[in-house]
Amino acid sequence: MNGKTSSRPFEQEGRKLRLARVRSGFRLSEFAKRIGKTRQTLGAWENGRGQVDPLLRAGIARLLGIEAADIWQDGREQLVPRGTSQPADRPFAEHVLVTAGRIIELAEGMARDAAKQIAVAESLARRSEEEFQRVPQTPVTRVSGLAAPKRKKHG
């Protein structure tokens, strides 16, 4: 450093947290909501202006699919995926995460489209029912098991 003290004492932890969040495919607001914090709080953590409560660290790491020590331990620069002992191949891992993020966005879009289509179908069904109710109905009687229109009696 240049002799000045950093105004962001938790910068390294914040950088690692942001990297892990992005690699896990979470948007800032989505991840903040999942951990019960505001976007502003999470942004402050990621920018090194605040420290994550030690009681939240294990849960955050579990949600990100990493070990807490990958972020909150001095001198560790590489993230190690949970269940492995080797750092992930970054280009491949980043490709997988970007692809997964795109798939999630497509799925969310398809779900929104499906919800719109359901709403349209429900609306059409209501209209059809209303129109059916307005059409005069012809009385029907049963004749030897078959439905036939009622006949007027003569005389």
C-alpha atoms as a PDB file:
ATOM      1  CA  MET A   1       0.000   0.000   0.000  1.00  0.00           C
ATOM      2  CA  ASN A   2       1.000   3.628  -0.125  1.00  0.00           C
ATOM      3  CA  GLY A   3       1.056   4.140   3.628  1.00  0.00           C
ATOM      4  CA  LYS A   4      -2.599   5.180   3.898  1.00  0.00           C
ATOM      5  CA  THR A   5      -5.015   3.070   5.832  1.00  0.00           C
ATOM      6  CA  SER A   6      -7.796   1.536   3.786  1.00  0.00           C
ATOM      7  CA  SER A   7     -11.273   2.956   4.241  1.00  0.00           C
ATOM      8  CA  ARG A   8     -12.513  -0.534   3.362  1.00  0.00           C
ATOM      9  CA  PRO A   9     -11.052  -2.856   5.999  1.00  0.00           C
ATOM     10  CA  PHE A  10     -12.913  -5.914   4.710  1.00  0.00           C
ATOM     11  CA  GLU A  11     -12.173  -5.397   1.015  1.00  0.00           C
ATOM     12  CA  GLN A  12     -10.635  -8.824   0.393  1.00  0.00           C
ATOM     13  CA  GLU A  13     -13.526 -10.642   2.073  1.00  0.00           C
ATOM     14  CA  GLY A  14     -16.000  -8.506   0.138  1.00  0.00           C
ATOM     15  CA  ARG A  15     -14.309  -9.259  -3.174  1.00  0.00           C
ATOM     16  CA  LYS A  16     -14.418 -12.996  -2.434  1.00  0.00           C
ATOM     17  CA  LEU A  17     -18.056 -12.785  -1.377  1.00  0.00           C
ATOM     18  CA  ARG A  18     -19.010 -10.971  -4.593  1.00  0.00           C
ATOM     19  CA  LEU A  19     -17.058 -13.469  -6.708  1.00  0.00           C
ATOM     20  CA  ALA A  20     -18.727 -16.430  -4.996  1.00  0.00           C
ATOM     21  CA  ARG A  21     -22.188 -14.852  -5.363  1.00  0.00           C
ATOM     22  CA  VAL A  22     -21.691 -14.125  -9.075  1.00  0.00           C
ATOM     23  CA  ARG A  23     -20.271 -17.585  -9.722  1.00  0.00           C
ATOM     24  CA  SER A  24     -23.278 -19.086  -7.966  1.00  0.00           C
ATOM     25  CA  GLY A  25     -25.568 -17.213 -10.353  1.00  0.00           C
ATOM     26  CA  PHE A  26     -27.224 -14.920  -7.820  1.00  0.00           C
ATOM     27  CA  ARG A  27     -28.093 -11.319  -8.574  1.00  0.00           C
ATOM     28  CA  LEU A  28     -27.369  -8.882  -5.753  1.00  0.00           C
ATOM     29  CA  SER A  29     -31.029  -8.238  -4.880  1.00  0.00           C
ATOM     30  CA  GLU A  30     -31.962 -11.923  -5.149  1.00  0.00           C
ATOM     31  CA  PHE A  31     -29.116 -13.037  -2.877  1.00  0.00           C
ATOM     32  CA  ALA A  32     -29.802 -10.263  -0.357  1.00  0.00           C
ATOM     33  CA  LYS A  33     -33.412 -11.406  -0.146  1.00  0.00           C
ATOM     34  CA  ARG A  34     -32.376 -15.061   0.292  1.00  0.00           C
ATOM     35  CA  ILE A  35     -30.155 -14.191   3.280  1.00  0.00           C
ATOM     36  CA  GLY A  36     -32.652 -11.761   4.794  1.00  0.00           C
ATOM     37  CA  LYS A  37     -30.605  -8.600   4.248  1.00  0.00           C
ATOM     38  CA  THR A  38     -31.051  -5.486   2.140  1.00  0.00           C
ATOM     39  CA  ARG A  39     -29.252  -4.864  -1.150  1.00  0.00           C
ATOM     40  CA  GLN A  40     -27.486  -1.977   0.572  1.00  0.00           C
ATOM     41  CA  THR A  41     -26.144  -4.203   3.351  1.00  0.00           C
ATOM     42  CA  LEU A  42     -24.937  -6.867   0.930  1.00  0.00           C
ATOM     43  CA  GLY A  43     -23.418  -4.163  -1.303  1.00  0.00           C
ATOM     44  CA  ALA A  44     -21.557  -2.715   1.677  1.00  0.00           C
ATOM     45  CA  TRP A  45     -20.183  -6.170   2.526  1.00  0.00           C
ATOM     46  CA  GLU A  46     -19.100  -6.789  -1.058  1.00  0.00           C
ATOM     47  CA  ASN A  47     -17.429  -3.381  -1.253  1.00  0.00           C
ATOM     48  CA  GLY A  48     -15.501  -4.011   1.962  1.00  0.00           C
ATOM     49  CA  ARG A  49     -17.310  -1.351   3.999  1.00  0.00           C
ATOM     50  CA  GLY A  50     -18.839  -3.810   6.425  1.00  0.00           C
ATOM     51  CA  GLN A  51     -18.233  -7.213   7.918  1.00  0.00           C
ATOM     52  CA  VAL A  52     -20.563 -10.168   7.641  1.00  0.00           C
ATOM     53  CA  ASP A  53     -21.913 -11.287  10.995  1.00  0.00           C
ATOM     54  CA  PRO A  54     -19.957 -14.430  11.921  1.00  0.00           C
ATOM     55  CA  LEU A  55     -23.243 -16.165  12.774  1.00  0.00           C
ATOM     56  CA  LEU A  56     -24.394 -15.761   9.148  1.00  0.00           C
ATOM     57  CA  ARG A  57     -21.198 -16.927   7.468  1.00  0.00           C
ATOM     58  CA  ALA A  58     -21.847 -20.679   7.446  1.00  0.00           C
ATOM     59  CA  GLY A  59     -25.350 -20.240   6.028  1.00  0.00           C
ATOM     60  CA  ILE A  60     -24.146 -17.822   3.353  1.00  0.00           C
ATOM     61  CA  ALA A  61     -21.342 -20.175   2.348  1.00  0.00           C
ATOM     62  CA  ARG A  62     -23.735 -23.133   2.209  1.00  0.00           C
ATOM     63  CA  LEU A  63     -26.096 -21.137  -0.040  1.00  0.00           C
ATOM     64  CA  LEU A  64     -23.152 -20.300  -2.309  1.00  0.00           C
ATOM     65  CA  GLY A  65     -21.986 -23.925  -2.372  1.00  0.00           C
ATOM     66  CA  ILE A  66     -18.586 -23.190  -0.814  1.00  0.00           C
ATOM     67  CA  GLU A  67     -16.930 -23.395   2.590  1.00  0.00           C
ATOM     68  CA  ALA A  68     -17.015 -20.332   4.874  1.00  0.00           C
ATOM     69  CA  ALA A  69     -13.217 -20.445   5.126  1.00  0.00           C
ATOM     70  CA  ASP A  70     -13.014 -19.768   1.389  1.00  0.00           C
ATOM     71  CA  ILE A  71     -14.128 -16.204   2.069  1.00  0.00           C
ATOM     72  CA  TRP A  72     -13.426 -15.494   5.704  1.00  0.00           C
ATOM     73  CA  GLN A  73      -9.879 -16.775   6.145  1.00  0.00           C
ATOM     74  CA  ASP A  74      -6.817 -14.635   5.439  1.00  0.00           C
ATOM     75  CA  GLY A  75      -4.507 -15.642   2.622  1.00  0.00           C
ATOM     76  CA  ARG A  76      -6.871 -17.926   0.722  1.00  0.00           C
ATOM     77  CA  GLU A  77      -7.290 -16.604  -2.793  1.00  0.00           C
ATOM     78  CA  GLN A  78      -8.969 -19.515  -4.525  1.00  0.00           C
ATOM     79  CA  LEU A  79     -12.497 -20.708  -4.004  1.00  0.00           C
ATOM     80  CA  VAL A  80     -12.813 -24.454  -3.552  1.00  0.00           C
ATOM     81  CA  PRO A  81     -16.183 -25.934  -4.534  1.00  0.00           C
ATOM     82  CA  ARG A  82     -17.912 -27.838  -1.754  1.00  0.00           C
ATOM     83  CA  GLY A  83     -17.115 -31.548  -1.763  1.00  0.00           C
ATOM     84  CA  THR A  84     -13.772 -31.142  -3.549  1.00  0.00           C
ATOM     85  CA  SER A  85     -10.243 -30.435  -2.446  1.00  0.00           C
ATOM     86  CA  GLN A  86      -9.095 -28.628  -5.601  1.00  0.00           C
ATOM     87  CA  PRO A  87      -9.942 -25.152  -6.837  1.00  0.00           C
ATOM     88  CA  ALA A  88     -12.404 -25.121  -9.712  1.00  0.00           C
ATOM     89  CA  ASP A  89     -11.115 -24.666 -13.233  1.00  0.00           C
ATOM     90  CA  ARG A  90     -12.134 -21.010 -13.356  1.00  0.00           C
ATOM     91  CA  PRO A  91     -12.885 -20.625 -17.078  1.00  0.00           C
ATOM     92  CA  PHE A  92     -14.990 -23.800 -17.132  1.00  0.00           C
ATOM     93  CA  ALA A  93     -16.670 -23.038 -13.801  1.00  0.00           C
ATOM     94  CA  GLU A  94     -17.483 -19.503 -14.933  1.00  0.00           C
ATOM     95  CA  HIS A  95     -18.898 -20.859 -18.203  1.00  0.00           C
ATOM     96  CA  VAL A  96     -21.073 -23.330 -16.297  1.00  0.00           C
ATOM     97  CA  LEU A  97     -22.321 -20.615 -13.941  1.00  0.00           C
ATOM     98  CA  VAL A  98     -23.052 -18.173 -16.756  1.00  0.00           C
ATOM     99  CA  THR A  99     -24.896 -20.908 -18.642  1.00  0.00           C
ATOM    100  CA  ALA A 100     -26.834 -21.885 -15.533  1.00  0.00           C
ATOM    101  CA  GLY A 101     -27.749 -18.243 -14.979  1.00  0.00           C
ATOM    102  CA  ARG A 102     -29.039 -17.971 -18.544  1.00  0.00           C
ATOM    103  CA  ILE A 103     -31.055 -21.175 -18.149  1.00  0.00           C
ATOM    104  CA  ILE A 104     -32.606 -19.809 -14.963  1.00  0.00           C
ATOM    105  CA  GLU A 105     -33.475 -16.534 -16.710  1.00  0.00           C
ATOM    106  CA  LEU A 106     -35.062 -18.470 -19.607  1.00  0.00           C
ATOM    107  CA  ALA A 107     -37.023 -20.647 -17.191  1.00  0.00           C
ATOM    108  CA  GLU A 108     -38.237 -17.577 -15.302  1.00  0.00           C
ATOM    109  CA  GLY A 109     -39.309 -16.001 -18.601  1.00  0.00           C
ATOM    110  CA  MET A 110     -41.121 -19.169 -19.629  1.00  0.00           C
ATOM    111  CA  ALA A 111     -42.886 -19.280 -16.264  1.00  0.00           C
ATOM    112  CA  ARG A 112     -44.020 -15.657 -16.714  1.00  0.00           C
ATOM    113  CA  ASP A 113     -45.249 -16.460 -20.233  1.00  0.00           C
ATOM    114  CA  ALA A 114     -47.096 -19.539 -18.976  1.00  0.00           C
ATOM    115  CA  ALA A 115     -48.746 -17.480 -16.227  1.00  0.00           C
ATOM    116  CA  LYS A 116     -49.905 -14.952 -18.844  1.00  0.00           C
ATOM    117  CA  GLN A 117     -51.275 -17.732 -21.040  1.00  0.00           C
ATOM    118  CA  ILE A 118     -53.135 -19.238 -18.089  1.00  0.00           C
ATOM    119  CA  ALA A 119     -54.651 -15.844 -17.300  1.00  0.00           C
ATOM    120  CA  VAL A 120     -55.796 -15.462 -20.924  1.00  0.00           C
ATOM    121  CA  ALA A 121     -57.258 -18.983 -20.959  1.00  0.00           C
ATOM    122  CA  GLU A 122     -59.128 -18.319 -17.704  1.00  0.00           C
ATOM    123  CA  SER A 123     -60.475 -15.065 -19.115  1.00  0.00           C
ATOM    124  CA  LEU A 124     -61.649 -16.807 -22.306  1.00  0.00           C
ATOM    125  CA  ALA A 125     -63.263 -19.568 -20.262  1.00  0.00           C
ATOM    126  CA  ARG A 126     -65.159 -16.982 -18.161  1.00  0.00           C
ATOM    127  CA  ARG A 127     -66.341 -15.193 -21.306  1.00  0.00           C
ATOM    128  CA  SER A 128     -67.451 -18.463 -22.885  1.00  0.00           C
ATOM    129  CA  GLU A 129     -69.382 -19.372 -19.746  1.00  0.00           C
ATOM    130  CA  GLU A 130     -71.040 -15.919 -19.674  1.00  0.00           C
ATOM    131  CA  GLU A 131     -72.018 -16.213 -23.345  1.00  0.00           C
ATOM    132  CA  PHE A 132     -73.336 -19.734 -22.799  1.00  0.00           C
ATOM    133  CA  GLN A 133     -75.528 -18.445 -19.959  1.00  0.00           C
ATOM    134  CA  ARG A 134     -77.007 -15.779 -22.265  1.00  0.00           C
ATOM    135  CA  VAL A 135     -78.046 -18.238 -25.020  1.00  0.00           C
ATOM    136  CA  PRO A 136     -81.670 -19.417 -24.577  1.00  0.00           C
ATOM    137  CA  GLN A 137     -81.687 -23.094 -23.764  1.00  0.00           C
ATOM    138  CA  THR A 138     -84.131 -25.513 -25.432  1.00  0.00           C
ATOM    139  CA  PRO A 139     -85.857 -27.807 -22.927  1.00  0.00           C
ATOM    140  CA  VAL A 140     -84.874 -31.446 -23.370  1.00  0.00           C
ATOM    141  CA  THR A 141     -86.791 -34.615 -22.393  1.00  0.00           C
ATOM    142  CA  ARG A 142     -85.647 -38.217 -22.383  1.00  0.00           C
ATOM    143  CA  VAL A 143     -87.270 -40.630 -24.779  1.00  0.00           C
ATOM    144  CA  SER A 144     -86.159 -44.232 -24.581  1.00  0.00           C
ATOM    145  CA  GLY A 145     -82.752 -43.225 -23.311  1.00  0.00           C
ATOM    146  CA  LEU A 146     -82.157 -40.571 -25.954  1.00  0.00           C
ATOM    147  CA  ALA A 147     -82.519 -36.877 -25.487  1.00  0.00           C
ATOM    148  CA  ALA A 148     -85.163 -35.293 -27.730  1.00  0.00           C
ATOM    149  CA  PRO A 149     -86.729 -31.840 -27.855  1.00  0.00           C
ATOM    150  CA  LYS A 150     -90.046 -31.480 -26.030  1.00  0.00           C
ATOM    151  CA  ARG A 151     -93.069 -31.489 -28.325  1.00  0.00           C
ATOM    152  CA  LYS A 152     -96.039 -29.214 -27.949  1.00  0.00           C
ATOM    153  CA  LYS A 153     -99.258 -30.982 -27.114  1.00  0.00           C
ATOM    154  CA  HIS A 154    -102.115 -30.573 -29.588  1.00  0.00           C
ATOM    155  CA  GLY A 155    -105.617 -30.139 -28.663  1.00  0.00           C
END
